[in-house]
Amino acid sequence: MYITPEDLKARFSDKIFHLIGETADKLGLECYVIGGYVRDIFLHRPSKDIDIVTVGRGIELAEAVAAVLGPKTHIAVFKNFGTAQLKYKGLEIEFVGARKESYQRDSRKPIVEDGTLKDDQNRRDFTINALAVCINKARFGELLDPFGGLEDMDNLTIRTPLDPDITFSDDPLRMMRAIRFSAQLGFDIEPASFDAITRNKERIKIVSQERIIDELNKIVLSPKPSIGFLQLEQTGLLEIIFPELVALKGIETKEGIGHKDNFYHTLMVLDNIALKTDNLWLRWAAVLHDIAKPATKRWDNRLGWTFHNHNFIGGKMVPKIFNRLKLPLNEKMKYVQKLVDLHMRPQVLVDEDISDSAVRRLLFEAGDDVDDLMTLCEADITSKNPNKVQRYLQNFDKVRHKLKEIEEKDHVRNFQPPIDGDEIMKLFGLPPSKEIGILKSAVKDAILDGIIPNEYDAAYDYLLKEAARLGLTVNKKND
């Protein structure tokens, strides 16, 4: 992690840092870049968010910098929080006055007072986020690391600057942030801080669900999400924030037959899919694909352990889970629900030797998400037997080939039947009724089953035959 003082100054060569420092000098203010931007310099990670701390009036400094940059500079001022933000060439720069904080037991909102730079560093969550670099001209590029953040980065360690029990009790969201940074960076949480999370886990209940899900999403999006979820489970936080996932844990044995631990299996699936995609919602589908297994687990004397319809029941659980976790109840939720509901279907296609009819139905139901569904199914292979894994992957390759072949031939992905309900009503002089639904379904099923091609004339002729079976005749006005 070592960077020479000259290298560090070079990392702040952009004129915006000199401009802010010179403006602070004119106002007689100490001025520092602090937190994540400094940390990421040493971790060689790109960052577009810059936090500026000044010992004095943060909003005044922001307004003065904006004035120097010119009238087109957009500045947002948040007087209640004592902060201001401006954007410059793709950077988001936030200004705040140095502060010290104290907390009340029933709230994570601090009582804030003006303070020194030391006070401000003391209130930081982790040592690696307490690094500060001065940008005043006389001390430009000087690093202040009072808690050994650089050493912790060298040791790949997450550690609180002060007593971790106080740090986590004051602001319980920091417990999730510790785990999130561990998952994102591949760092270990040092033992005292980890144990403090376990002791203070109940404090997470005072944090808003919106804040919790923001951190949980970042864990889901981390390079190896299982790191974060395992730590959430080990500390007891997961039982509080996501009990449905913890319910997957454990193995039950009967007559010498056990089933796999579906909690660890789920984490393996999530890690597998993380190697393939950064799509948050596809990763959430991996998290939830087996979520109904505890509810559907049964012992069958002939078959052993079964989880019949866990995909269908799991799909039904998705909206309730999304609602409680404060995940969006929109097309993203429907996407996850669809993938959970359909995730067993490609395996069924393999077992059925891939009939054209079954492939058409899968294409119709999965629509444009069929490729994501196949990615999920391939990630769901967690066997430790490499030969078995290879066999499953080869089977799914066959399914992918068949999907492509049928789609090119029949064009059934997201298809709408050539004849809609309005035309059926006019053709037979019918009001809205169950007969309309029966006829629409008959035409759709005939196309999906390969009885007729996906063409208007064939659909029209088939419709007339089905209508005759129901005793319906063409309205003479349409004859």
Protein backbone atom coordinates (compact mmCIF):
# COMPACT_ATOMS: atom_id res chain seq x y z
CA MET A 1 0.00 0.00 0.00
CA TYR A 2 3.06 2.28 0.29
CA ILE A 3 3.03 5.51 -1.72
CA THR A 4 5.81 8.11 -1.42
CA PRO A 5 4.89 11.66 -0.37
CA GLU A 6 5.79 12.78 -3.89
CA ASP A 7 3.49 10.15 -5.41
CA LEU A 8 0.70 11.20 -3.05
CA LYS A 9 1.04 14.84 -4.10
CA ALA A 10 0.93 13.71 -7.73
CA ARG A 11 -2.40 11.97 -7.10
CA PHE A 12 -3.79 15.40 -6.13
CA SER A 13 -2.39 17.17 -9.19
CA ASP A 14 -5.83 17.92 -10.63
CA LYS A 15 -6.34 21.68 -10.54
CA ILE A 16 -9.58 21.32 -8.53
CA PHE A 17 -7.58 20.35 -5.41
CA HIS A 18 -5.26 23.34 -5.76
CA LEU A 19 -8.24 25.62 -6.43
CA ILE A 20 -10.06 24.40 -3.28
CA GLY A 21 -6.90 24.70 -1.20
CA GLU A 22 -6.15 28.23 -2.43
CA THR A 23 -9.75 29.28 -1.79
CA ALA A 24 -9.52 27.86 1.74
CA ASP A 25 -6.27 29.79 2.29
CA LYS A 26 -7.99 33.05 1.32
CA LEU A 27 -10.75 32.31 3.85
CA GLY A 28 -8.21 31.35 6.51
CA LEU A 29 -9.52 27.75 6.74
CA GLU A 30 -7.72 24.45 7.21
CA CYS A 31 -8.83 22.13 4.42
CA TYR A 32 -8.49 18.37 3.90
CA VAL A 33 -9.58 15.60 1.56
CA ILE A 34 -10.73 12.79 3.84
CA GLY A 35 -12.24 9.33 3.80
CA GLY A 36 -12.93 7.05 0.87
CA TYR A 37 -11.17 9.07 -1.83
CA VAL A 38 -7.90 8.96 0.11
CA ARG A 39 -8.36 5.29 0.99
CA ASP A 40 -8.95 4.37 -2.64
CA ILE A 41 -5.74 6.10 -3.74
CA PHE A 42 -3.79 3.59 -1.63
CA LEU A 43 -5.99 0.70 -2.81
CA HIS A 44 -5.55 1.81 -6.44
CA ARG A 45 -9.32 1.98 -6.91
CA PRO A 46 -11.00 4.66 -9.03
CA SER A 47 -13.23 7.08 -7.14
CA LYS A 48 -15.43 9.97 -8.24
CA ASP A 49 -16.63 11.03 -4.77
CA ILE A 50 -14.49 13.53 -2.89
CA ASP A 51 -15.17 14.54 0.71
CA ILE A 52 -13.70 17.89 1.76
CA VAL A 53 -13.48 18.69 5.48
CA THR A 54 -12.62 22.19 6.59
CA VAL A 55 -12.01 23.33 10.11
CA GLY A 56 -14.65 26.00 9.97
CA ARG A 57 -17.52 26.79 7.59
CA GLY A 58 -17.92 24.04 5.00
CA ILE A 59 -20.84 25.65 3.14
CA GLU A 60 -19.00 28.98 2.91
CA LEU A 61 -15.98 27.25 1.36
CA ALA A 62 -18.20 25.38 -1.14
CA GLU A 63 -19.91 28.61 -2.21
CA ALA A 64 -16.57 30.37 -2.62
CA VAL A 65 -15.20 27.49 -4.74
CA ALA A 66 -18.36 27.51 -6.88
CA ALA A 67 -17.94 31.25 -7.44
CA VAL A 68 -14.37 30.72 -8.68
CA LEU A 69 -15.48 27.93 -11.01
CA GLY A 70 -18.07 30.19 -12.59
CA PRO A 71 -21.83 30.77 -12.79
CA LYS A 72 -22.54 27.48 -14.57
CA THR A 73 -21.30 25.47 -11.60
CA HIS A 74 -24.21 23.69 -9.90
CA ILE A 75 -24.08 23.74 -6.10
CA ALA A 76 -26.56 22.06 -3.75
CA VAL A 77 -26.64 23.36 -0.18
CA PHE A 78 -28.07 21.35 2.73
CA LYS A 79 -28.13 23.82 5.61
CA ASN A 80 -29.77 21.38 8.05
CA PHE A 81 -26.78 19.07 7.67
CA GLY A 82 -24.15 21.78 7.29
CA THR A 83 -23.04 20.36 3.95
CA ALA A 84 -22.85 21.45 0.33
CA GLN A 85 -22.16 19.52 -2.85
CA LEU A 86 -20.94 20.57 -6.26
CA LYS A 87 -20.11 18.67 -9.45
CA TYR A 88 -16.96 19.22 -11.44
CA LYS A 89 -15.89 17.24 -14.53
CA GLY A 90 -17.57 14.03 -13.41
CA LEU A 91 -16.53 14.42 -9.78
CA GLU A 92 -18.98 14.85 -6.90
CA ILE A 93 -17.38 17.03 -4.24
CA GLU A 94 -18.99 17.34 -0.81
CA PHE A 95 -17.96 20.03 1.66
CA VAL A 96 -18.54 19.88 5.40
CA GLY A 97 -17.12 21.56 8.47
CA ALA A 98 -15.11 19.40 10.87
CA ARG A 99 -17.40 18.14 13.60
CA LYS A 100 -17.67 16.01 16.69
CA GLU A 101 -20.67 13.84 17.37
CA SER A 102 -22.55 12.35 20.29
CA TYR A 103 -25.43 9.91 20.17
CA GLN A 104 -28.59 9.08 22.09
CA ARG A 105 -29.41 5.43 22.73
CA ASP A 106 -32.59 5.31 20.65
CA SER A 107 -31.29 7.03 17.51
CA ARG A 108 -28.41 6.82 15.03
CA LYS A 109 -28.80 10.54 14.27
CA PRO A 110 -25.94 12.30 16.07
CA ILE A 111 -25.92 15.51 18.03
CA VAL A 112 -23.39 17.53 16.04
CA GLU A 113 -21.03 20.26 17.21
CA ASP A 114 -18.21 22.09 15.45
CA GLY A 115 -14.89 20.39 16.06
CA THR A 116 -11.28 19.95 15.07
CA LEU A 117 -9.86 17.68 12.40
CA LYS A 118 -8.99 15.22 15.18
CA ASP A 119 -12.63 15.27 16.33
CA ASP A 120 -13.73 14.57 12.76
CA GLN A 121 -11.31 11.67 12.36
CA ASN A 122 -12.42 10.25 15.71
CA ARG A 123 -16.03 9.99 14.45
CA ARG A 124 -15.07 7.99 11.34
CA ASP A 125 -16.27 4.40 11.10
CA PHE A 126 -12.98 2.62 10.28
CA THR A 127 -9.30 3.43 10.39
CA ILE A 128 -9.00 3.07 6.60
CA ASN A 129 -11.67 5.77 6.23
CA ALA A 130 -10.03 8.20 8.67
CA LEU A 131 -7.09 9.09 6.42
CA ALA A 132 -6.86 12.80 5.55
CA VAL A 133 -4.65 14.74 3.13
CA CYS A 134 -4.15 18.48 3.59
CA ILE A 135 -4.63 20.62 0.46
CA ASN A 136 -3.72 24.01 1.93
CA LYS A 137 -0.77 25.40 -0.04
CA ALA A 138 1.74 25.36 2.82
CA ARG A 139 1.03 21.69 3.69
CA PHE A 140 -0.23 20.41 0.34
CA GLY A 141 -0.14 16.59 0.16
CA GLU A 142 0.55 16.05 3.89
CA LEU A 143 -1.02 12.78 5.07
CA LEU A 144 -2.63 12.51 8.52
CA ASP A 145 -3.17 8.92 9.65
CA PRO A 146 -3.79 9.00 13.42
CA PHE A 147 -5.17 5.44 13.74
CA GLY A 148 -2.83 3.41 11.57
CA GLY A 149 -5.14 3.11 8.58
CA LEU A 150 -2.25 2.50 6.21
CA GLU A 151 -0.98 -0.36 8.33
CA ASP A 152 -4.50 -1.83 8.43
CA MET A 153 -4.66 -1.65 4.64
CA ASP A 154 -1.32 -3.46 4.45
CA ASN A 155 -2.74 -6.12 6.78
CA LEU A 156 -6.09 -6.23 4.90
CA THR A 157 -7.91 -5.35 8.11
CA ILE A 158 -11.18 -3.57 8.95
CA ARG A 159 -10.88 -1.94 12.39
CA THR A 160 -12.72 0.85 14.18
CA PRO A 161 -10.68 3.90 15.28
CA LEU A 162 -12.16 3.89 18.79
CA ASP A 163 -13.86 1.30 21.02
CA PRO A 164 -15.88 -0.85 18.57
CA ASP A 165 -18.75 -1.29 21.04
CA ILE A 166 -19.19 2.48 21.16
CA THR A 167 -18.68 2.86 17.41
CA PHE A 168 -21.33 0.24 16.53
CA SER A 169 -23.78 1.15 19.27
CA ASP A 170 -23.67 4.82 18.29
CA ASP A 171 -24.35 4.10 14.62
CA PRO A 172 -25.38 0.45 14.11
CA LEU A 173 -25.29 0.77 10.32
CA ARG A 174 -21.52 0.70 10.70
CA MET A 175 -21.80 -3.02 11.50
CA MET A 176 -23.17 -3.66 8.02
CA ARG A 177 -20.65 -1.28 6.50
CA ALA A 178 -17.83 -3.27 8.14
CA ILE A 179 -19.14 -6.46 6.56
CA ARG A 180 -19.76 -4.73 3.24
CA PHE A 181 -16.17 -3.41 3.09
CA SER A 182 -14.90 -6.86 4.02
CA ALA A 183 -16.83 -8.38 1.10
CA GLN A 184 -15.91 -5.62 -1.36
CA LEU A 185 -12.21 -5.39 -0.51
CA GLY A 186 -11.48 -8.94 0.65
CA PHE A 187 -10.37 -7.59 4.06
CA ASP A 188 -10.84 -9.33 7.42
CA ILE A 189 -12.71 -7.65 10.26
CA GLU A 190 -10.32 -7.67 13.20
CA PRO A 191 -11.52 -9.93 16.06
CA ALA A 192 -12.44 -7.23 18.59
CA SER A 193 -14.54 -5.38 16.01
CA PHE A 194 -16.15 -8.63 14.80
CA ASP A 195 -17.08 -9.66 18.33
CA ALA A 196 -18.52 -6.19 18.95
CA ILE A 197 -20.84 -6.64 15.97
CA THR A 198 -22.17 -9.84 17.55
CA ARG A 199 -22.70 -8.10 20.89
CA ASN A 200 -24.45 -5.12 19.31
CA LYS A 201 -26.48 -6.90 16.62
CA GLU A 202 -29.85 -5.98 18.15
CA ARG A 203 -28.99 -2.31 17.67
CA ILE A 204 -29.52 -2.76 13.91
CA LYS A 205 -33.25 -2.55 14.63
CA ILE A 206 -33.05 1.23 15.02
CA VAL A 207 -31.68 1.63 11.48
CA SER A 208 -34.11 2.35 8.65
CA GLN A 209 -34.78 -0.50 6.24
CA GLU A 210 -33.77 1.75 3.34
CA ARG A 211 -30.27 2.13 4.80
CA ILE A 212 -30.00 -1.60 5.50
CA ILE A 213 -31.01 -2.64 1.99
CA ASP A 214 -28.55 -0.18 0.47
CA GLU A 215 -25.71 -1.96 2.29
CA LEU A 216 -27.17 -5.40 1.54
CA ASN A 217 -27.31 -4.59 -2.18
CA LYS A 218 -23.65 -3.59 -2.08
CA ILE A 219 -22.83 -6.95 -0.45
CA VAL A 220 -24.84 -8.75 -3.15
CA LEU A 221 -22.82 -6.83 -5.79
CA SER A 222 -19.42 -7.54 -4.21
CA PRO A 223 -16.88 -9.75 -6.01
CA LYS A 224 -17.56 -12.72 -3.70
CA PRO A 225 -20.88 -12.05 -1.94
CA SER A 226 -20.72 -15.17 0.24
CA ILE A 227 -18.04 -13.45 2.34
CA GLY A 228 -20.55 -10.84 3.42
CA PHE A 229 -23.48 -13.21 3.91
CA LEU A 230 -21.43 -15.64 5.98
CA GLN A 231 -20.34 -12.80 8.27
CA LEU A 232 -23.91 -11.52 8.52
CA GLU A 233 -24.96 -15.03 9.59
CA GLN A 234 -22.05 -15.56 11.98
CA THR A 235 -22.70 -12.28 13.80
CA GLY A 236 -26.46 -12.86 14.05
CA LEU A 237 -27.36 -9.87 11.89
CA LEU A 238 -28.81 -12.01 9.10
CA GLU A 239 -31.39 -13.60 11.40
CA ILE A 240 -32.66 -10.09 12.17
CA ILE A 241 -32.64 -8.56 8.70
CA PHE A 242 -33.29 -11.58 6.46
CA PRO A 243 -34.68 -14.56 8.45
CA GLU A 244 -35.98 -16.35 5.33
CA LEU A 245 -32.39 -16.88 4.18
CA VAL A 246 -31.26 -18.21 7.56
CA ALA A 247 -34.19 -20.66 7.47
CA LEU A 248 -32.39 -22.44 4.61
CA LYS A 249 -29.55 -23.42 6.95
CA GLY A 250 -29.16 -26.92 8.28
CA ILE A 251 -29.28 -30.56 7.24
CA GLU A 252 -31.92 -33.03 8.35
CA THR A 253 -31.28 -36.78 8.17
CA LYS A 254 -33.86 -39.53 8.07
CA GLU A 255 -33.20 -43.22 7.58
CA GLY A 256 -29.59 -42.34 6.90
CA ILE A 257 -30.49 -39.95 4.08
CA GLY A 258 -29.74 -36.23 4.37
CA HIS A 259 -30.34 -33.31 2.07
CA LYS A 260 -27.79 -30.62 1.23
CA ASP A 261 -27.53 -27.46 3.32
CA ASN A 262 -29.50 -25.06 1.16
CA PHE A 263 -28.04 -21.96 2.85
CA TYR A 264 -24.48 -22.79 1.81
CA HIS A 265 -25.73 -24.03 -1.56
CA THR A 266 -27.42 -20.66 -2.14
CA LEU A 267 -24.22 -18.79 -1.32
CA MET A 268 -22.31 -20.98 -3.76
CA VAL A 269 -24.87 -20.22 -6.47
CA LEU A 270 -24.57 -16.51 -5.71
CA ASP A 271 -20.76 -16.66 -5.95
CA ASN A 272 -21.04 -18.61 -9.20
CA ILE A 273 -23.34 -16.05 -10.78
CA ALA A 274 -21.16 -13.18 -9.50
CA LEU A 275 -18.42 -14.53 -11.78
CA LYS A 276 -20.74 -14.08 -14.77
CA THR A 277 -22.71 -10.87 -14.22
CA ASP A 278 -22.96 -7.59 -12.31
CA ASN A 279 -26.74 -7.55 -12.82
CA LEU A 280 -28.04 -6.87 -9.28
CA TRP A 281 -31.43 -8.42 -9.95
CA LEU A 282 -30.04 -11.58 -11.50
CA ARG A 283 -27.89 -11.90 -8.38
CA TRP A 284 -31.02 -11.43 -6.25
CA ALA A 285 -32.68 -14.23 -8.23
CA ALA A 286 -29.74 -16.42 -7.15
CA VAL A 287 -30.26 -15.39 -3.51
CA LEU A 288 -33.97 -16.28 -3.66
CA HIS A 289 -34.07 -19.22 -6.08
CA ASP A 290 -34.45 -21.84 -3.31
CA ILE A 291 -36.07 -19.61 -0.70
CA ALA A 292 -39.18 -21.82 -0.45
CA LYS A 293 -37.33 -25.06 0.26
CA PRO A 294 -37.97 -24.92 4.03
CA ALA A 295 -41.70 -24.50 3.36
CA THR A 296 -41.84 -27.34 0.82
CA LYS A 297 -39.51 -29.89 2.43
CA ARG A 298 -41.13 -33.30 2.79
CA TRP A 299 -39.95 -36.85 3.47
CA ASP A 300 -41.14 -39.49 1.03
CA ASN A 301 -40.45 -43.14 1.89
CA ARG A 302 -39.85 -43.89 -1.78
CA LEU A 303 -38.17 -40.70 -3.01
CA GLY A 304 -36.41 -39.46 0.13
CA TRP A 305 -36.33 -35.71 0.73
CA THR A 306 -38.43 -33.69 -1.70
CA PHE A 307 -39.02 -29.98 -2.29
CA HIS A 308 -41.90 -30.20 -4.75
CA ASN A 309 -43.01 -26.87 -6.25
CA HIS A 310 -40.37 -24.91 -4.31
CA ASN A 311 -39.78 -22.81 -7.43
CA PHE A 312 -43.48 -21.93 -7.75
CA ILE A 313 -43.93 -21.24 -4.02
CA GLY A 314 -40.67 -19.28 -4.02
CA GLY A 315 -41.97 -17.08 -6.83
CA LYS A 316 -45.03 -16.36 -4.70
CA MET A 317 -42.78 -15.35 -1.78
CA VAL A 318 -40.74 -12.83 -3.77
CA PRO A 319 -43.19 -9.85 -3.60
CA LYS A 320 -43.57 -10.20 0.18
CA ILE A 321 -39.80 -10.38 0.69
CA PHE A 322 -39.17 -7.43 -1.64
CA ASN A 323 -41.81 -5.39 0.18
CA ARG A 324 -40.35 -6.08 3.63
CA LEU A 325 -36.75 -5.48 2.54
CA LYS A 326 -37.78 -2.24 0.75
CA LEU A 327 -36.63 -3.52 -2.62
CA PRO A 328 -38.51 -2.05 -5.61
CA LEU A 329 -42.00 -3.44 -6.27
CA ASN A 330 -41.80 -2.90 -10.01
CA GLU A 331 -40.50 -4.65 -13.10
CA LYS A 332 -37.29 -5.57 -11.25
CA MET A 333 -39.33 -7.53 -8.69
CA LYS A 334 -41.32 -9.22 -11.47
CA TYR A 335 -38.07 -10.16 -13.20
CA VAL A 336 -36.72 -11.84 -10.04
CA GLN A 337 -40.07 -13.52 -9.45
CA LYS A 338 -40.08 -14.91 -12.98
CA LEU A 339 -36.56 -16.35 -12.71
CA VAL A 340 -37.29 -17.95 -9.33
CA ASP A 341 -40.51 -19.46 -10.70
CA LEU A 342 -38.83 -20.82 -13.85
CA HIS A 343 -35.40 -21.86 -12.56
CA MET A 344 -36.22 -25.60 -12.56
CA ARG A 345 -37.63 -25.65 -16.08
CA PRO A 346 -34.38 -25.99 -18.07
CA GLN A 347 -33.44 -29.02 -15.96
CA VAL A 348 -36.87 -30.51 -16.70
CA LEU A 349 -36.18 -29.96 -20.41
CA VAL A 350 -33.03 -32.02 -20.07
CA ASP A 351 -34.94 -34.77 -18.28
CA GLU A 352 -37.63 -34.73 -20.99
CA ASP A 353 -35.03 -34.97 -23.75
CA ILE A 354 -35.86 -31.42 -24.87
CA SER A 355 -39.22 -31.63 -26.63
CA ASP A 356 -39.99 -28.79 -29.06
CA SER A 357 -43.27 -28.06 -27.30
CA ALA A 358 -41.60 -27.61 -23.89
CA VAL A 359 -38.95 -25.36 -25.42
CA ARG A 360 -41.60 -23.16 -27.05
CA ARG A 361 -43.40 -22.79 -23.72
CA LEU A 362 -40.19 -21.85 -21.92
CA LEU A 363 -39.36 -19.27 -24.60
CA PHE A 364 -42.87 -17.86 -24.32
CA GLU A 365 -42.82 -17.62 -20.51
CA ALA A 366 -39.23 -16.45 -20.09
CA GLY A 367 -39.28 -14.04 -23.04
CA ASP A 368 -36.24 -11.79 -23.25
CA ASP A 369 -35.01 -13.09 -19.89
CA VAL A 370 -34.38 -16.63 -21.14
CA ASP A 371 -30.61 -16.08 -21.40
CA ASP A 372 -30.47 -14.81 -17.82
CA LEU A 373 -32.52 -17.84 -16.76
CA MET A 374 -29.97 -20.16 -18.34
CA THR A 375 -27.14 -18.27 -16.57
CA LEU A 376 -28.94 -18.81 -13.26
CA CYS A 377 -29.45 -22.52 -13.98
CA GLU A 378 -25.78 -23.00 -14.82
CA ALA A 379 -24.78 -21.20 -11.60
CA ASP A 380 -27.10 -23.58 -9.72
CA ILE A 381 -24.69 -26.46 -10.41
CA THR A 382 -22.70 -26.72 -7.16
CA SER A 383 -21.66 -30.36 -7.16
CA LYS A 384 -18.10 -31.10 -5.99
CA ASN A 385 -17.91 -33.85 -8.60
CA PRO A 386 -16.27 -32.26 -11.69
CA ASN A 387 -17.63 -34.97 -13.99
CA LYS A 388 -21.17 -34.30 -12.81
CA VAL A 389 -20.70 -30.55 -13.27
CA GLN A 390 -19.41 -31.09 -16.80
CA ARG A 391 -22.35 -33.34 -17.63
CA TYR A 392 -24.87 -30.78 -16.41
CA LEU A 393 -23.17 -27.97 -18.31
CA GLN A 394 -23.20 -30.04 -21.49
CA ASN A 395 -26.91 -30.70 -20.99
CA PHE A 396 -27.58 -27.00 -20.59
CA ASP A 397 -25.56 -26.33 -23.75
CA LYS A 398 -28.03 -28.60 -25.54
CA VAL A 399 -30.92 -26.63 -24.07
CA ARG A 400 -29.37 -23.33 -25.19
CA HIS A 401 -28.90 -24.72 -28.69
CA LYS A 402 -32.49 -25.92 -28.81
CA LEU A 403 -33.79 -22.57 -27.54
CA LYS A 404 -31.93 -20.77 -30.32
CA GLU A 405 -33.09 -23.25 -32.94
CA ILE A 406 -36.78 -23.06 -31.96
CA GLU A 407 -36.72 -19.26 -31.66
CA GLU A 408 -35.21 -18.85 -35.12
CA LYS A 409 -37.83 -21.18 -36.57
CA ASP A 410 -41.00 -20.27 -34.64
CA HIS A 411 -40.40 -16.75 -33.21
CA VAL A 412 -42.27 -17.47 -29.98
CA ARG A 413 -40.19 -15.38 -27.57
CA ASN A 414 -42.60 -12.75 -26.18
CA PHE A 415 -45.01 -13.57 -29.00
CA GLN A 416 -48.63 -12.43 -29.02
CA PRO A 417 -51.14 -14.79 -30.73
CA PRO A 418 -51.96 -13.60 -34.27
CA ILE A 419 -55.61 -13.16 -33.28
CA ASP A 420 -56.47 -11.10 -30.19
CA GLY A 421 -59.54 -10.97 -27.99
CA ASP A 422 -61.08 -7.95 -29.71
CA GLU A 423 -61.03 -9.72 -33.08
CA ILE A 424 -62.58 -12.85 -31.56
CA MET A 425 -65.42 -10.83 -30.05
CA LYS A 426 -66.15 -9.10 -33.36
CA LEU A 427 -65.85 -12.34 -35.33
CA PHE A 428 -68.41 -14.19 -33.25
CA GLY A 429 -70.46 -11.24 -32.01
CA LEU A 430 -69.60 -11.98 -28.39
CA PRO A 431 -69.31 -9.69 -25.36
CA PRO A 432 -66.34 -10.13 -22.98
CA SER A 433 -66.78 -13.64 -21.60
CA LYS A 434 -65.00 -16.82 -20.57
CA GLU A 435 -65.42 -18.16 -24.11
CA ILE A 436 -63.06 -15.45 -25.38
CA GLY A 437 -60.39 -16.60 -22.93
CA ILE A 438 -60.92 -20.24 -23.89
CA LEU A 439 -60.48 -19.48 -27.59
CA LYS A 440 -57.41 -17.25 -27.04
CA SER A 441 -55.77 -19.96 -24.94
CA ALA A 442 -56.61 -22.62 -27.50
CA VAL A 443 -54.86 -20.70 -30.28
CA LYS A 444 -51.86 -19.90 -28.06
CA ASP A 445 -51.49 -23.52 -26.91
CA ALA A 446 -51.80 -24.83 -30.47
CA ILE A 447 -48.89 -22.61 -31.53
CA LEU A 448 -46.75 -23.51 -28.51
CA ASP A 449 -47.47 -27.22 -28.96
CA GLY A 450 -46.52 -27.04 -32.63
CA ILE A 451 -49.99 -28.00 -33.85
CA ILE A 452 -50.12 -24.89 -36.05
CA PRO A 453 -47.44 -22.40 -37.17
CA ASN A 454 -47.29 -18.92 -35.65
CA GLU A 455 -49.15 -17.39 -38.62
CA TYR A 456 -52.48 -15.57 -39.00
CA ASP A 457 -54.16 -17.85 -41.54
CA ALA A 458 -53.36 -21.01 -39.62
CA ALA A 459 -54.51 -19.40 -36.37
CA TYR A 460 -57.77 -18.23 -38.01
CA ASP A 461 -58.62 -21.69 -39.36
CA TYR A 462 -57.83 -23.30 -35.99
CA LEU A 463 -59.96 -20.70 -34.21
CA LEU A 464 -62.99 -21.54 -36.35
CA LYS A 465 -62.65 -25.23 -35.52
CA GLU A 466 -62.37 -24.55 -31.78
CA ALA A 467 -65.32 -22.15 -31.91
CA ALA A 468 -67.44 -24.80 -33.64
CA ARG A 469 -66.69 -27.19 -30.79
CA LEU A 470 -68.13 -24.59 -28.43
CA GLY A 471 -71.19 -24.18 -30.65
CA LEU A 472 -70.18 -20.73 -31.84
CA THR A 473 -70.66 -19.45 -35.38
CA VAL A 474 -69.25 -16.46 -37.21
CA ASN A 475 -71.32 -13.30 -36.84
CA LYS A 476 -72.97 -12.75 -40.25
CA LYS A 477 -71.92 -9.09 -40.20
CA ASN A 478 -68.34 -10.34 -40.33
CA ASP A 479 -69.00 -13.16 -42.84
